[in-house]
């Protein structure tokens, strides 16, 4: 339920690999959308946007947003 890469291990593509693995698992389980919650004012919001996620709910929880991505067949 949580994706965290130690700060000392960032900038090596590990987070992207973990995210893509989670998306693959979801596809294999016949999910067509993956959603997540992230801090609105965090660098993570822009990172997820670059990975194809869109903001679908703002103000969901204090300082948090919900982002979602449609999982398309490759």
Protein backbone atom coordinates (compact mmCIF):
# COMPACT_ATOMS: atom_id res chain seq x y z
CA UNK A 1 0.00 0.00 0.00
CA UNK A 2 3.01 2.30 0.28
CA UNK A 3 5.79 3.05 -2.19
CA UNK A 4 8.88 4.50 -0.54
CA UNK A 5 12.46 4.67 -1.79
CA UNK A 6 15.12 5.65 0.72
CA UNK A 7 16.40 9.13 0.02
CA UNK A 8 19.93 7.82 -0.46
CA UNK A 9 18.69 5.45 -3.19
CA UNK A 10 16.68 7.97 -5.20
CA UNK A 11 17.55 9.13 -8.72
CA UNK A 12 18.39 5.58 -9.83
CA UNK A 13 15.03 4.57 -11.34
CA UNK A 14 14.05 2.35 -8.40
CA UNK A 15 10.77 4.15 -7.73
CA UNK A 16 9.82 3.98 -11.40
CA UNK A 17 10.58 0.24 -11.46
CA UNK A 18 8.47 -0.34 -8.34
CA UNK A 19 5.58 1.72 -9.72
CA UNK A 20 5.63 -0.11 -13.05
CA UNK A 21 5.72 -3.45 -11.22
CA UNK A 22 2.65 -2.42 -9.20
CA UNK A 23 0.89 -1.40 -12.42
CA UNK A 24 1.75 -4.75 -14.03
CA UNK A 25 0.39 -6.66 -11.02
CA UNK A 26 -2.82 -4.59 -11.16
CA UNK A 27 -3.21 -5.31 -14.89
CA UNK A 28 -2.73 -9.03 -14.28
CA UNK A 29 -5.53 -8.85 -11.72
CA UNK A 30 -7.75 -7.27 -14.41
CA UNK A 31 -7.72 -3.79 -12.87
CA UNK A 32 -8.21 -1.01 -15.36
CA UNK A 33 -7.25 1.92 -13.12
CA UNK A 34 -4.74 2.55 -10.36
CA UNK A 35 -5.27 5.36 -7.84
CA UNK A 36 -3.08 6.79 -5.11
CA UNK A 37 -2.97 9.45 -2.45
CA UNK A 38 -0.10 11.93 -2.28
CA UNK A 39 0.72 15.21 -0.55
CA UNK A 40 -0.43 18.12 -2.71
CA UNK A 41 2.66 20.27 -2.15
CA UNK A 42 5.17 17.46 -2.58
CA UNK A 43 7.61 16.83 -5.44
CA UNK A 44 5.92 13.44 -5.68
CA UNK A 45 2.85 15.00 -7.31
CA UNK A 46 4.89 16.08 -10.34
CA UNK A 47 6.72 12.73 -10.39
CA UNK A 48 3.44 10.83 -10.62
CA UNK A 49 2.20 13.24 -13.31
CA UNK A 50 5.26 12.37 -15.41
CA UNK A 51 4.30 8.71 -14.97
CA UNK A 52 0.83 9.34 -16.41
CA UNK A 53 -1.24 9.98 -13.27
CA UNK A 54 -3.85 12.76 -13.16
CA UNK A 55 -5.31 14.56 -10.14
CA UNK A 56 -8.88 13.37 -9.68
CA UNK A 57 -9.62 14.81 -6.22
CA UNK A 58 -8.10 17.79 -4.45
CA UNK A 59 -8.75 18.61 -0.83
CA UNK A 60 -9.63 14.97 -0.15
CA UNK A 61 -7.77 15.06 3.14
CA UNK A 62 -5.90 18.03 4.56
CA UNK A 63 -3.00 18.64 2.20
CA UNK A 64 -3.61 15.43 0.24
CA UNK A 65 -4.81 14.73 -3.29
CA UNK A 66 -5.89 11.61 -5.13
CA UNK A 67 -4.28 10.77 -8.45
CA UNK A 68 -5.30 8.07 -10.89
CA UNK A 69 -4.05 6.40 -14.07
CA UNK A 70 -5.89 4.28 -16.59
CA UNK A 71 -4.04 1.01 -17.09
CA UNK A 72 -3.99 0.29 -20.79
CA UNK A 73 -3.13 -3.00 -22.38
CA UNK A 74 0.36 -3.07 -23.87
